[in-house]
Amino acid sequence: MTTLIRMADTPPPAPAVPSPEAAAPGMPLRRVGWRRVLALAGVVLLIAACAVYMLYTLGSNLGLDALLVGVTAAILPVPVLVACFLWLDRYEPEPLKYLIFCFAWGAFVSTAASLTVNNSFAALFKEWGVSSSLTGVLVAPFIEELTKALGPILLLIFRRREWSGITDGLVYCGLSAVGFAMVENILYLGGLGYASGVDQWGPATGVRNVIVIFISRILFFGFAHPLFTSMTGVGLGIAARTADRRVRVFAPIAGLLLAMMLHGTWNLIPTLVQATGQAVIFFYGMVAVMVPIFFGMVGFAVWLRAWEGRLTERTLPDYVRAGWLSPPEVAALGSLGRRHAARTWARRVGGEAGLRAMRGYQFAATRLALLRDGMRRGLDRKPAERDRTLREERQLLETIAAYRSFFVGRDPQTPVGVWDGQRYHLRFPDGTQRVVEAPDSPVVPIPVVLAPPPPPAPAGYGPPGWYGHRPAAPWSPGPHY
C-alpha cells in the first residue's frame, strides 16, 4: 500500500511548533554524571594552566613590547583560516564549544608541551655536540603533531556522535593546528622579528623584520600546520564512521604518522638548504612536494564537503518510505543552493520567524541523516547505545514534524492534491483534476501535508522503514524529485 501525502487546502490552525527564536535542535543530551563533571573541570583547568604558562613564558622571553607586536600580527590571519574551516562545516555545523575547545587545545596545551619538549631536546643535543637545528626534524614533528591531535582525539572518544565523518576531522584538527600556529607565530614575529630587530638597529628594523616574516611565513606558508594535521583529521574522520575496530585503531595511527612525516619533510627542507647552501632545494621541495599536496588536500576537502553534504539524499529516503517526509523535502536538502532557496521561500511565507524555523528544520534533518547513517554502518554495538539512538531518532522526527508544520499550508500558491509516492494528483480551482509528474527540482521545498505516520513498530534496531510498513513501490532518490 502506497503512503499518501496530502497537499494543503487551507492553513492549519496554530500548529504546536518550537519557538523560531529557540536554538536549533540537536541530539538529546546525556545525563551529566559526576565523573563527566570532573573530567570537564580537569580539561578546563589544564587548558587554563597551559595558557598561563605560555603567557608567562612568552612575556618573559620576548618582553612586553615584542609580545604585543607578536600577538597583534599573529592574530591577523586567524579569522581567515578559521572561516575556511567553518565553510567546510556548513551542512552540519559543530557545536561552538567543541570548536573553541580544539582551538584552545592547540593554542595552549599543544604549544606548552611542544615548547617544553623541543627546548629539552635542543639542550640535550647541544650537550651531545649535535646541531640543535635537528630538533626541528627529529623531535618537533612528532611531539607537535601528537599534541595537536590529542584534543580532537579526546572529542572522538567522548563525543563520537558529534563526528559526521572526515569533514569533521578536518575541521577539529584544522582548528587545533590554527591555534598552535597562532602561538608559534607570536614567537617568530615577536622574538625573531621585532625583538631581535630592536636589539640590532632599533624599532624601525624590528617592524621591518615583522613585515618580512609575516609575508614569508604567514601569507605564503600559513597553510603548513593545518595541512600537516589534516592528515590526522582524515584518519580520525574515518575511524569515527566505521564499525570495524581495527579501522578505528589503525586509521588514526596512519593519519598521525603521515602528518609527522609531512611535517618532518617540511622542516628538513630549510635544514638541507642551510647545510648545503643550495637554495634550489627549497624551490624544488616547495614546488614538487608541498604545493601539490596542499592543492590536492584542498580539492579533496571541497569534494568531500559536497559528498558528505549529500548524506541526506542517501539516507532520508528511508523516512519517505515510512511516511515521515516527502520527496521534495529530501531534494531541498541536497545542496547548499537548494537549502538557500528553501530559506528564501520560508522567509517569503513566514518572515524572519519562518527563516529561523527553516534553519532549525534543516539542522534537525541533517542530524537525522547522520544518525540513520550511523545505524546503517552499525556504529552502536551495545544495547544501551542502540536504545539511545532510537530515542534520539524519535525526538528528531518529532522535532522535524513540528518545524515543518510551521510552513505547511501557509503558501497560497500551493495547489490542493495528493502525492501517491510517484506522481502528484492535483485539483485546480476550476474543479479539474490532473496527474502531474514530479519535477526534476522542487519548486516549493515543503509543499505538502503528510498523512499521519504509522505507529512505531516494537522497539528494535530494524531495517530501513521500521517505523512503518514499506509501500509496494518504494521511492528512491533520482531525477523524479
Protein backbone atom coordinates (compact mmCIF):
# COMPACT_ATOMS: atom_id res chain seq x y z
CA MET A 1 0.00 0.00 0.00
CA THR A 2 1.45 3.33 -1.06
CA THR A 3 1.76 6.07 1.54
CA LEU A 4 -0.39 9.07 0.59
CA ILE A 5 0.80 12.61 1.22
CA ARG A 6 -1.97 15.18 1.02
CA MET A 7 -1.39 18.72 -0.16
CA ALA A 8 -2.60 21.57 1.98
CA ASP A 9 -6.04 23.02 1.30
CA THR A 10 -6.14 25.73 3.95
CA PRO A 11 -3.62 26.90 6.51
CA PRO A 12 -3.66 24.64 9.56
CA PRO A 13 -4.74 26.01 12.90
CA ALA A 14 -1.91 27.38 15.04
CA PRO A 15 0.43 24.41 14.99
CA ALA A 16 2.38 23.44 18.05
CA VAL A 17 5.86 24.29 16.89
CA PRO A 18 9.11 25.10 18.59
CA SER A 19 9.71 28.77 19.05
CA PRO A 20 11.63 30.05 15.98
CA GLU A 21 13.74 32.08 18.36
CA ALA A 22 14.94 28.91 20.08
CA ALA A 23 18.24 27.34 19.18
CA ALA A 24 18.27 24.67 16.52
CA PRO A 25 17.60 21.23 17.99
CA GLY A 26 20.39 18.77 18.47
CA MET A 27 20.86 15.28 19.75
CA PRO A 28 19.35 14.60 23.16
CA LEU A 29 21.85 15.24 25.90
CA ARG A 30 23.22 12.57 28.14
CA ARG A 31 22.74 12.82 31.85
CA VAL A 32 25.79 14.56 33.20
CA GLY A 33 27.32 12.49 35.99
CA TRP A 34 29.96 13.48 38.49
CA ARG A 35 32.67 11.71 36.51
CA ARG A 36 31.95 13.79 33.44
CA VAL A 37 31.88 16.94 35.53
CA LEU A 38 35.28 16.10 36.99
CA ALA A 39 36.69 15.27 33.55
CA LEU A 40 35.37 18.52 32.11
CA ALA A 41 36.74 20.51 35.02
CA GLY A 42 40.11 18.82 34.60
CA VAL A 43 40.29 19.68 30.91
CA VAL A 44 39.33 23.30 31.54
CA LEU A 45 41.93 23.61 34.30
CA LEU A 46 44.58 22.04 32.06
CA ILE A 47 43.90 24.49 29.23
CA ALA A 48 43.85 27.43 31.65
CA ALA A 49 47.11 26.34 33.30
CA CYS A 50 48.82 25.93 29.92
CA ALA A 51 47.54 29.35 28.82
CA VAL A 52 49.02 30.98 31.92
CA TYR A 53 52.27 29.11 31.38
CA MET A 54 52.54 30.20 27.74
CA LEU A 55 51.69 33.81 28.59
CA TYR A 56 54.39 33.87 31.28
CA THR A 57 56.96 32.17 29.03
CA LEU A 58 56.32 34.44 26.05
CA GLY A 59 56.25 37.56 28.20
CA SER A 60 59.50 36.76 30.00
CA ASN A 61 61.33 35.76 26.81
CA LEU A 62 60.08 38.48 24.46
CA GLY A 63 59.28 41.44 26.67
CA LEU A 64 56.01 43.35 26.75
CA ASP A 65 56.52 45.36 23.52
CA ALA A 66 57.60 42.38 21.43
CA LEU A 67 54.79 40.28 22.90
CA LEU A 68 52.15 42.84 21.93
CA VAL A 69 53.58 43.19 18.42
CA GLY A 70 53.74 39.41 18.00
CA VAL A 71 50.20 38.87 19.27
CA THR A 72 48.78 41.59 17.02
CA ALA A 73 50.49 40.28 13.90
CA ALA A 74 49.84 36.61 14.68
CA ILE A 75 46.10 37.11 15.20
CA LEU A 76 45.55 38.78 11.80
CA PRO A 77 45.37 35.57 9.69
CA VAL A 78 43.39 33.59 12.27
CA PRO A 79 39.88 34.78 11.24
CA VAL A 80 40.59 33.89 7.61
CA LEU A 81 41.85 30.39 8.44
CA VAL A 82 39.01 29.75 10.88
CA ALA A 83 36.47 30.93 8.30
CA CYS A 84 37.85 28.43 5.78
CA PHE A 85 37.24 25.53 8.15
CA LEU A 86 33.81 26.80 9.15
CA TRP A 87 32.97 26.99 5.44
CA LEU A 88 33.69 23.26 5.20
CA ASP A 89 31.28 22.66 8.07
CA ARG A 90 28.21 24.50 6.78
CA TYR A 91 25.97 21.46 6.24
CA GLU A 92 26.08 20.30 9.83
CA PRO A 93 27.86 22.93 11.95
CA GLU A 94 29.57 21.56 15.01
CA PRO A 95 28.79 22.94 18.47
CA LEU A 96 30.72 26.12 19.13
CA LYS A 97 32.05 24.80 22.43
CA TYR A 98 33.85 21.95 20.67
CA LEU A 99 35.35 24.27 18.07
CA ILE A 100 36.62 26.57 20.81
CA PHE A 101 37.97 23.57 22.71
CA CYS A 102 40.03 22.37 19.73
CA PHE A 103 41.39 25.85 19.03
CA ALA A 104 42.30 26.43 22.69
CA TRP A 105 43.87 22.99 22.95
CA GLY A 106 46.16 23.66 20.02
CA ALA A 107 46.95 27.20 21.15
CA PHE A 108 47.85 26.43 24.76
CA VAL A 109 48.16 22.74 25.64
CA SER A 110 49.92 21.67 22.46
CA THR A 111 52.27 24.67 22.39
CA ALA A 112 53.15 24.33 26.08
CA ALA A 113 54.00 20.63 25.74
CA SER A 114 55.82 21.09 22.43
CA LEU A 115 57.87 24.05 23.63
CA THR A 116 58.96 22.17 26.74
CA VAL A 117 59.95 19.01 24.85
CA ASN A 118 61.66 20.87 21.99
CA ASN A 119 63.71 23.01 24.36
CA SER A 120 64.72 19.96 26.40
CA PHE A 121 65.92 18.08 23.34
CA ALA A 122 67.68 21.16 21.95
CA ALA A 123 69.67 21.42 25.20
CA LEU A 124 70.38 17.70 25.10
CA PHE A 125 71.60 17.87 21.50
CA LYS A 126 73.87 20.75 22.46
CA GLU A 127 75.43 18.64 25.20
CA TRP A 128 76.00 15.85 22.70
CA GLY A 129 77.62 18.23 20.25
CA VAL A 130 74.81 17.81 17.73
CA SER A 131 73.31 20.76 15.88
CA SER A 132 70.22 21.99 17.66
CA SER A 133 68.59 22.58 14.26
CA LEU A 134 67.98 18.84 14.10
CA THR A 135 65.34 19.33 16.79
CA GLY A 136 63.02 20.64 14.09
CA VAL A 137 63.50 17.45 12.08
CA LEU A 138 63.84 14.69 14.66
CA VAL A 139 61.70 15.93 17.57
CA ALA A 140 59.31 18.77 16.69
CA PRO A 141 57.22 16.92 14.06
CA PHE A 142 56.46 14.08 16.44
CA ILE A 143 55.63 15.99 19.61
CA GLU A 144 53.78 18.80 17.82
CA GLU A 145 51.56 16.57 15.68
CA LEU A 146 50.86 14.27 18.59
CA THR A 147 49.83 17.04 20.96
CA LYS A 148 47.80 18.88 18.33
CA ALA A 149 45.86 15.68 17.67
CA LEU A 150 45.18 14.83 21.31
CA GLY A 151 42.37 17.38 21.64
CA PRO A 152 40.36 16.04 18.67
CA ILE A 153 41.13 12.50 19.83
CA LEU A 154 39.51 13.28 23.18
CA LEU A 155 36.44 14.53 21.32
CA LEU A 156 36.33 11.35 19.27
CA ILE A 157 36.50 9.20 22.40
CA PHE A 158 33.92 11.08 24.46
CA ARG A 159 31.76 12.72 21.77
CA ARG A 160 31.83 10.35 18.81
CA ARG A 161 28.26 11.28 17.89
CA GLU A 162 29.45 14.78 17.07
CA TRP A 163 31.57 13.40 14.23
CA SER A 164 29.84 13.16 10.85
CA GLY A 165 32.94 11.93 9.03
CA ILE A 166 36.20 13.14 7.56
CA THR A 167 34.96 16.71 7.19
CA ASP A 168 34.58 17.00 10.95
CA GLY A 169 38.06 15.54 11.37
CA LEU A 170 39.46 18.22 9.09
CA VAL A 171 37.60 20.93 11.00
CA TYR A 172 38.53 19.83 14.51
CA CYS A 173 42.18 19.09 13.68
CA GLY A 174 42.45 22.17 11.48
CA LEU A 175 41.29 24.47 14.26
CA SER A 176 43.72 22.85 16.67
CA ALA A 177 46.51 23.48 14.16
CA VAL A 178 45.41 27.09 13.64
CA GLY A 179 45.57 27.71 17.37
CA PHE A 180 49.03 26.14 17.53
CA ALA A 181 50.29 28.15 14.56
CA MET A 182 48.98 31.39 16.07
CA VAL A 183 51.03 31.00 19.26
CA GLU A 184 54.07 29.74 17.37
CA ASN A 185 53.86 32.78 15.11
CA ILE A 186 53.97 35.00 18.19
CA LEU A 187 57.40 33.56 18.93
CA TYR A 188 58.64 34.17 15.41
CA LEU A 189 57.07 37.59 14.87
CA GLY A 190 57.70 38.97 18.34
CA GLY A 191 61.04 37.32 19.08
CA LEU A 192 62.90 36.60 15.86
CA GLY A 193 61.23 39.58 14.20
CA TYR A 194 60.61 42.58 16.41
CA ALA A 195 62.80 41.92 19.47
CA SER A 196 65.91 40.96 17.54
CA GLY A 197 65.45 43.90 15.15
CA VAL A 198 65.14 46.36 18.01
CA ASP A 199 68.26 44.93 19.63
CA GLN A 200 70.25 45.40 16.42
CA TRP A 201 69.09 48.67 14.85
CA GLY A 202 66.01 49.95 16.65
CA PRO A 203 62.19 49.81 16.34
CA ALA A 204 62.16 50.56 12.59
CA THR A 205 64.25 47.48 11.90
CA GLY A 206 62.02 45.46 14.21
CA VAL A 207 58.90 46.49 12.30
CA ARG A 208 60.60 45.67 9.01
CA ASN A 209 61.52 42.22 10.28
CA VAL A 210 57.95 41.63 11.37
CA ILE A 211 56.64 42.53 7.90
CA VAL A 212 59.17 40.26 6.18
CA ILE A 213 58.40 37.31 8.46
CA PHE A 214 54.66 37.91 8.17
CA ILE A 215 54.81 37.78 4.37
CA SER A 216 57.17 34.82 4.12
CA ARG A 217 55.83 32.71 6.99
CA ILE A 218 52.12 33.53 7.12
CA LEU A 219 50.99 34.79 3.72
CA PHE A 220 52.98 32.23 1.74
CA PHE A 221 53.11 29.27 4.11
CA GLY A 222 50.38 29.87 6.67
CA PHE A 223 48.72 26.68 5.48
CA ALA A 224 51.57 24.48 6.75
CA HIS A 225 50.33 23.43 10.21
CA PRO A 226 46.69 22.92 9.13
CA LEU A 227 47.95 20.87 6.18
CA PHE A 228 50.05 18.59 8.38
CA THR A 229 47.35 18.00 10.97
CA SER A 230 44.67 17.48 8.33
CA MET A 231 46.24 14.07 7.69
CA THR A 232 45.40 13.12 11.26
CA GLY A 233 41.92 14.56 10.75
CA VAL A 234 41.32 12.23 7.81
CA GLY A 235 42.29 9.24 9.93
CA LEU A 236 40.10 10.32 12.83
CA GLY A 237 37.17 11.00 10.50
CA ILE A 238 37.44 7.51 9.02
CA ALA A 239 37.59 5.98 12.49
CA ALA A 240 34.52 7.93 13.61
CA ARG A 241 32.22 6.43 10.97
CA THR A 242 33.29 2.79 10.90
CA ALA A 243 32.18 -0.18 12.96
CA ASP A 244 35.40 -2.09 12.32
CA ARG A 245 37.52 -1.91 15.46
CA ARG A 246 40.73 -2.44 13.51
CA VAL A 247 39.99 0.56 11.32
CA ARG A 248 39.10 2.61 14.41
CA VAL A 249 42.60 1.97 15.76
CA PHE A 250 44.80 1.94 12.68
CA ALA A 251 43.22 4.80 10.68
CA PRO A 252 44.12 7.49 13.28
CA ILE A 253 47.60 5.98 13.71
CA ALA A 254 48.19 6.04 9.96
CA GLY A 255 46.95 9.61 9.68
CA LEU A 256 49.12 10.74 12.59
CA LEU A 257 52.23 9.08 11.16
CA LEU A 258 51.57 10.69 7.79
CA ALA A 259 51.21 14.09 9.48
CA MET A 260 54.52 13.59 11.29
CA MET A 261 56.29 12.56 8.08
CA LEU A 262 54.93 15.54 6.18
CA HIS A 263 55.87 17.92 9.00
CA GLY A 264 59.35 16.41 9.22
CA THR A 265 59.84 16.79 5.48
CA TRP A 266 58.77 20.43 5.69
CA ASN A 267 61.31 21.12 8.43
CA LEU A 268 64.01 19.13 6.65
CA ILE A 269 63.94 21.34 3.55
CA PRO A 270 65.33 24.55 5.15
CA THR A 271 67.78 22.43 7.19
CA LEU A 272 69.21 20.99 3.98
CA VAL A 273 69.36 24.45 2.43
CA GLN A 274 71.31 25.76 5.42
CA ALA A 275 73.66 22.76 5.44
CA THR A 276 74.40 22.71 1.70
CA GLY A 277 73.97 26.34 0.76
CA GLN A 278 71.81 25.26 -2.20
CA ALA A 279 68.70 27.45 -2.23
CA VAL A 280 67.34 25.46 -5.16
CA ILE A 281 66.49 22.66 -2.69
CA PHE A 282 63.87 24.92 -1.14
CA PHE A 283 62.33 25.70 -4.52
CA TYR A 284 62.11 22.07 -5.59
CA GLY A 285 60.82 20.99 -2.18
CA MET A 286 58.01 23.50 -2.30
CA VAL A 287 57.05 23.11 -5.96
CA ALA A 288 57.45 19.35 -6.22
CA VAL A 289 56.22 18.27 -2.80
CA MET A 290 54.36 20.72 -0.60
CA VAL A 291 52.38 22.78 -3.08
CA PRO A 292 50.90 19.74 -4.91
CA ILE A 293 49.98 18.15 -1.59
CA PHE A 294 48.33 21.37 -0.44
CA PHE A 295 46.19 21.81 -3.56
CA GLY A 296 45.41 18.10 -3.57
CA MET A 297 44.12 18.35 0.01
CA VAL A 298 42.09 21.46 -0.82
CA GLY A 299 40.47 19.68 -3.77
CA PHE A 300 39.80 16.62 -1.64
CA ALA A 301 38.20 18.74 1.10
CA VAL A 302 35.91 20.53 -1.37
CA TRP A 303 34.87 17.24 -2.99
CA LEU A 304 34.35 15.63 0.39
CA ARG A 305 32.23 18.55 1.56
CA ALA A 306 29.87 18.06 -1.37
CA TRP A 307 29.81 14.26 -0.94
CA GLU A 308 29.05 14.41 2.77
CA GLY A 309 26.56 17.21 2.09
CA ARG A 310 24.51 14.76 0.03
CA LEU A 311 24.18 12.45 3.01
CA THR A 312 20.52 13.47 3.29
CA GLU A 313 19.84 12.22 -0.24
CA ARG A 314 21.35 8.84 0.61
CA THR A 315 19.62 8.22 3.93
CA LEU A 316 16.41 10.24 4.27
CA PRO A 317 14.51 8.28 1.58
CA ASP A 318 14.06 5.67 4.31
CA TYR A 319 11.79 8.15 6.05
CA VAL A 320 9.97 8.98 2.82
CA ARG A 321 9.05 5.32 2.54
CA ALA A 322 7.96 5.33 6.18
CA GLY A 323 5.72 8.36 5.66
CA TRP A 324 7.65 10.95 7.66
CA LEU A 325 8.95 13.09 4.76
CA SER A 326 8.08 13.89 1.17
CA PRO A 327 10.44 13.66 -1.85
CA PRO A 328 10.68 17.45 -2.37
CA GLU A 329 11.90 17.87 1.18
CA VAL A 330 14.76 15.45 0.63
CA ALA A 331 15.64 17.13 -2.64
CA ALA A 332 15.61 20.56 -0.99
CA LEU A 333 18.25 19.39 1.49
CA GLY A 334 20.67 18.01 -1.12
CA SER A 335 22.85 21.08 -1.68
CA LEU A 336 23.61 24.44 -0.15
CA GLY A 337 21.98 26.15 -3.12
CA ARG A 338 18.72 24.30 -2.54
CA ARG A 339 18.89 24.95 1.19
CA HIS A 340 19.32 28.64 0.50
CA ALA A 341 16.31 28.54 -1.83
CA ALA A 342 14.29 26.83 0.90
CA ARG A 343 15.23 29.56 3.37
CA THR A 344 14.27 32.23 0.86
CA TRP A 345 10.89 30.55 0.43
CA ALA A 346 10.48 30.26 4.21
CA ARG A 347 11.18 33.96 4.62
CA ARG A 348 8.55 34.77 1.99
CA VAL A 349 5.97 32.52 3.63
CA GLY A 350 6.71 33.15 7.31
CA GLY A 351 9.00 36.17 7.56
CA GLU A 352 12.02 36.14 9.85
CA ALA A 353 10.35 33.62 12.15
CA GLY A 354 9.87 31.32 9.18
CA LEU A 355 13.50 31.67 8.24
CA ARG A 356 14.60 30.67 11.74
CA ALA A 357 12.22 27.73 11.72
CA MET A 358 13.60 26.56 8.36
CA ARG A 359 17.13 26.70 9.71
CA GLY A 360 16.08 24.57 12.66
CA TYR A 361 14.31 22.17 10.32
CA GLN A 362 17.36 21.78 8.09
CA PHE A 363 19.67 21.25 11.04
CA ALA A 364 17.41 18.59 12.56
CA ALA A 365 17.02 16.81 9.21
CA THR A 366 20.80 16.74 8.76
CA ARG A 367 21.27 15.31 12.24
CA LEU A 368 18.63 12.70 11.45
CA ALA A 369 20.50 11.71 8.29
CA LEU A 370 23.71 11.43 10.28
CA LEU A 371 22.00 9.27 12.89
CA ARG A 372 20.48 6.99 10.26
CA ASP A 373 23.83 6.65 8.51
CA GLY A 374 25.33 5.52 11.80
CA MET A 375 22.60 2.87 12.09
CA ARG A 376 23.43 1.57 8.65
CA ARG A 377 27.12 1.39 9.50
CA GLY A 378 26.47 -0.43 12.76
CA LEU A 379 28.26 2.12 14.92
CA ASP A 380 26.28 1.25 18.03
CA ARG A 381 27.26 -2.17 19.35
CA LYS A 382 25.79 -2.17 22.86
CA PRO A 383 22.03 -2.48 23.51
CA ALA A 384 22.10 0.70 25.60
CA GLU A 385 23.66 2.63 22.70
CA ARG A 386 21.04 1.28 20.30
CA ASP A 387 18.20 2.24 22.62
CA ARG A 388 19.62 5.73 22.96
CA THR A 389 19.90 6.02 19.20
CA LEU A 390 16.25 5.05 18.79
CA ARG A 391 15.23 7.66 21.35
CA GLU A 392 17.30 10.28 19.56
CA GLU A 393 15.73 9.33 16.26
CA ARG A 394 12.22 9.63 17.66
CA GLN A 395 12.98 13.03 19.14
CA LEU A 396 14.45 14.30 15.89
CA LEU A 397 11.47 13.02 13.89
CA GLU A 398 9.08 14.77 16.25
CA THR A 399 11.17 17.95 16.05
CA ILE A 400 11.14 17.82 12.24
CA ALA A 401 7.38 17.29 12.20
CA ALA A 402 6.91 20.28 14.50
CA TYR A 403 9.13 22.55 12.43
CA ARG A 404 7.59 21.55 9.09
CA SER A 405 4.09 22.21 10.47
CA PHE A 406 5.14 25.84 10.68
CA PHE A 407 5.17 26.00 6.86
CA VAL A 408 2.53 23.55 5.67
CA GLY A 409 -0.49 25.23 4.12
CA ARG A 410 0.83 28.76 4.57
CA ASP A 411 1.76 29.28 0.92
CA PRO A 412 -1.29 30.41 -1.11
CA GLN A 413 0.49 29.40 -4.33
CA THR A 414 0.39 25.71 -3.38
CA PRO A 415 -2.40 23.73 -5.12
CA VAL A 416 -4.55 21.07 -3.49
CA GLY A 417 -3.70 17.48 -4.26
CA VAL A 418 -2.35 14.10 -3.25
CA TRP A 419 1.10 12.58 -3.60
CA ASP A 420 0.87 8.82 -4.30
CA GLY A 421 4.56 8.07 -3.98
CA GLN A 422 5.39 8.69 -7.64
CA ARG A 423 3.14 11.41 -9.04
CA TYR A 424 1.02 14.36 -7.95
CA HIS A 425 -2.78 14.22 -8.33
CA LEU A 426 -3.69 17.90 -8.38
CA ARG A 427 -7.08 19.59 -8.12
CA PHE A 428 -7.29 23.05 -9.70
CA PRO A 429 -9.66 25.96 -8.88
CA ASP A 430 -11.98 25.13 -11.84
CA GLY A 431 -12.59 21.68 -10.39
CA THR A 432 -10.49 19.73 -12.87
CA GLN A 433 -8.05 17.11 -11.71
CA ARG A 434 -4.78 16.22 -13.35
CA VAL A 435 -1.92 13.82 -12.82
CA VAL A 436 1.43 15.64 -12.87
CA GLU A 437 4.84 14.05 -12.87
CA ALA A 438 7.20 15.24 -10.15
CA PRO A 439 9.58 17.95 -11.42
CA ASP A 440 13.29 17.37 -11.61
CA SER A 441 13.84 20.02 -8.93
CA PRO A 442 11.37 21.04 -6.22
CA VAL A 443 9.73 24.39 -6.81
CA VAL A 444 8.47 24.66 -3.25
CA PRO A 445 10.58 23.00 -0.56
CA ILE A 446 7.77 21.73 1.70
CA PRO A 447 4.54 21.85 -0.32
CA VAL A 448 2.51 19.02 1.19
CA VAL A 449 0.78 17.89 4.33
CA LEU A 450 1.93 14.42 5.29
CA ALA A 451 -0.51 11.73 6.24
CA PRO A 452 -0.16 10.79 9.90
CA PRO A 453 2.81 8.45 10.10
CA PRO A 454 2.10 4.88 11.13
CA PRO A 455 2.66 3.98 14.78
CA PRO A 456 6.17 2.83 15.64
CA ALA A 457 6.94 -0.85 15.46
CA PRO A 458 8.13 -2.69 18.54
CA ALA A 459 11.48 -1.40 19.77
CA GLY A 460 14.36 -2.73 17.75
CA TYR A 461 17.22 -1.84 15.51
CA GLY A 462 15.42 -2.80 12.35
CA PRO A 463 15.93 -2.27 8.63
CA PRO A 464 15.03 0.92 6.74
CA GLY A 465 11.41 1.89 7.22
CA TRP A 466 10.90 0.00 10.50
CA TYR A 467 8.66 2.78 11.80
CA GLY A 468 6.01 1.63 9.39
CA HIS A 469 5.29 -0.76 6.53
CA ARG A 470 7.17 -0.26 3.29
CA PRO A 471 4.99 0.80 0.32
CA ALA A 472 4.58 -1.51 -2.63
CA ALA A 473 6.51 0.88 -4.90
CA PRO A 474 9.31 2.23 -2.68
CA TRP A 475 10.54 5.70 -3.54
CA SER A 476 14.24 6.12 -4.24
CA PRO A 477 16.23 9.30 -4.90
CA GLY A 478 16.58 10.12 -8.56
CA PRO A 479 15.66 12.57 -11.28
CA HIS A 480 11.94 12.33 -10.44
CA TYR A 481 12.08 14.69 -7.48
